[in-house]
Amino acid sequence: MNDDITLTLTSDEIAMLVDALEVDLEGYLESSKEAKSSGNRDEMKTFNDAATRIQTLMAKLQEYVPE
């Protein structure tokens, strides 16, 4: 499913979303490390895939966050 959604957000709201995504990203990266150390490759791949998707979304949003 690839439906586009149009939202109107302030730069502060986008910055809040980016901050929340950063926390989620850290959690997925940590979970990936734990899965790797326990030898669970399927979980490691799942967590890495989630982290990649979060990074992609963050990159899209960060261009709207003022420096």
C-alpha atoms as a PDB file:
ATOM      1  CA  MET A   1       0.000   0.000   0.000  1.00  0.00           C
ATOM      2  CA  ASN A   2       1.500   3.313  -1.021  1.00  0.00           C
ATOM      3  CA  ASP A   3      -1.202   5.936  -0.468  1.00  0.00           C
ATOM      4  CA  ASP A   4       0.006   9.509  -0.203  1.00  0.00           C
ATOM      5  CA  ILE A   5      -1.331  11.583   2.686  1.00  0.00           C
ATOM      6  CA  THR A   6      -1.140  15.342   2.892  1.00  0.00           C
ATOM      7  CA  LEU A   7      -0.611  16.877   6.336  1.00  0.00           C
ATOM      8  CA  THR A   8       0.019  20.401   7.457  1.00  0.00           C
ATOM      9  CA  LEU A   9       2.571  20.524  10.273  1.00  0.00           C
ATOM     10  CA  THR A  10       4.649  23.259  11.835  1.00  0.00           C
ATOM     11  CA  SER A  11       8.416  22.943  11.830  1.00  0.00           C
ATOM     12  CA  ASP A  12       8.229  22.416  15.614  1.00  0.00           C
ATOM     13  CA  GLU A  13       5.845  19.490  15.133  1.00  0.00           C
ATOM     14  CA  ILE A  14       8.134  17.954  12.538  1.00  0.00           C
ATOM     15  CA  ALA A  15      11.094  18.392  14.889  1.00  0.00           C
ATOM     16  CA  MET A  16       9.100  16.544  17.577  1.00  0.00           C
ATOM     17  CA  LEU A  17       8.440  13.686  15.156  1.00  0.00           C
ATOM     18  CA  VAL A  18      12.115  13.502  14.214  1.00  0.00           C
ATOM     19  CA  ASP A  19      13.082  13.397  17.909  1.00  0.00           C
ATOM     20  CA  ALA A  20      10.611  10.565  18.541  1.00  0.00           C
ATOM     21  CA  LEU A  21      11.901   8.661  15.514  1.00  0.00           C
ATOM     22  CA  GLU A  22      15.471   9.023  16.795  1.00  0.00           C
ATOM     23  CA  VAL A  23      14.440   7.327  20.051  1.00  0.00           C
ATOM     24  CA  ASP A  24      12.710   4.537  18.117  1.00  0.00           C
ATOM     25  CA  LEU A  25      15.763   4.149  15.893  1.00  0.00           C
ATOM     26  CA  GLU A  26      18.036   3.747  18.910  1.00  0.00           C
ATOM     27  CA  GLY A  27      15.723   1.064  20.278  1.00  0.00           C
ATOM     28  CA  TYR A  28      15.704  -0.904  17.032  1.00  0.00           C
ATOM     29  CA  LEU A  29      19.484  -0.662  16.678  1.00  0.00           C
ATOM     30  CA  GLU A  30      19.951  -1.882  20.254  1.00  0.00           C
ATOM     31  CA  SER A  31      17.498  -4.740  19.663  1.00  0.00           C
ATOM     32  CA  SER A  32      19.382  -5.661  16.509  1.00  0.00           C
ATOM     33  CA  LYS A  33      22.646  -5.862  18.458  1.00  0.00           C
ATOM     34  CA  GLU A  34      21.012  -8.067  21.090  1.00  0.00           C
ATOM     35  CA  ALA A  35      19.552 -10.349  18.408  1.00  0.00           C
ATOM     36  CA  LYS A  36      22.951 -10.586  16.743  1.00  0.00           C
ATOM     37  CA  SER A  37      24.692 -11.499  19.989  1.00  0.00           C
ATOM     38  CA  SER A  38      22.125 -14.227  20.652  1.00  0.00           C
ATOM     39  CA  GLY A  39      22.467 -15.555  17.104  1.00  0.00           C
ATOM     40  CA  ASN A  40      18.908 -14.758  16.051  1.00  0.00           C
ATOM     41  CA  ARG A  41      19.427 -13.680  12.450  1.00  0.00           C
ATOM     42  CA  ASP A  42      15.731 -13.371  11.620  1.00  0.00           C
ATOM     43  CA  GLU A  43      15.133 -10.885  14.424  1.00  0.00           C
ATOM     44  CA  MET A  44      18.330  -9.035  13.566  1.00  0.00           C
ATOM     45  CA  LYS A  45      17.137  -8.614   9.979  1.00  0.00           C
ATOM     46  CA  THR A  46      13.687  -7.470  11.130  1.00  0.00           C
ATOM     47  CA  PHE A  47      15.172  -4.845  13.458  1.00  0.00           C
ATOM     48  CA  ASN A  48      17.668  -3.685  10.825  1.00  0.00           C
ATOM     49  CA  ASP A  49      14.880  -3.335   8.255  1.00  0.00           C
ATOM     50  CA  ALA A  50      12.831  -1.265  10.708  1.00  0.00           C
ATOM     51  CA  ALA A  51      15.849   0.931  11.469  1.00  0.00           C
ATOM     52  CA  THR A  52      16.430   1.520   7.759  1.00  0.00           C
ATOM     53  CA  ARG A  53      12.800   2.532   7.236  1.00  0.00           C
ATOM     54  CA  ILE A  54      12.989   4.934  10.191  1.00  0.00           C
ATOM     55  CA  GLN A  55      16.206   6.472   8.845  1.00  0.00           C
ATOM     56  CA  THR A  56      14.560   6.971   5.447  1.00  0.00           C
ATOM     57  CA  LEU A  57      11.558   8.702   7.009  1.00  0.00           C
ATOM     58  CA  MET A  58      13.788  10.845   9.214  1.00  0.00           C
ATOM     59  CA  ALA A  59      15.762  11.998   6.173  1.00  0.00           C
ATOM     60  CA  LYS A  60      12.536  13.088   4.480  1.00  0.00           C
ATOM     61  CA  LEU A  61      11.416  15.033   7.538  1.00  0.00           C
ATOM     62  CA  GLN A  62      14.741  16.608   8.499  1.00  0.00           C
ATOM     63  CA  GLU A  63      14.788  18.863   5.457  1.00  0.00           C
ATOM     64  CA  TYR A  64      11.806  20.671   7.030  1.00  0.00           C
ATOM     65  CA  VAL A  65      13.428  21.175  10.421  1.00  0.00           C
ATOM     66  CA  PRO A  66      15.182  24.526  10.737  1.00  0.00           C
ATOM     67  CA  GLU A  67      18.839  24.383  11.734  1.00  0.00           C
END
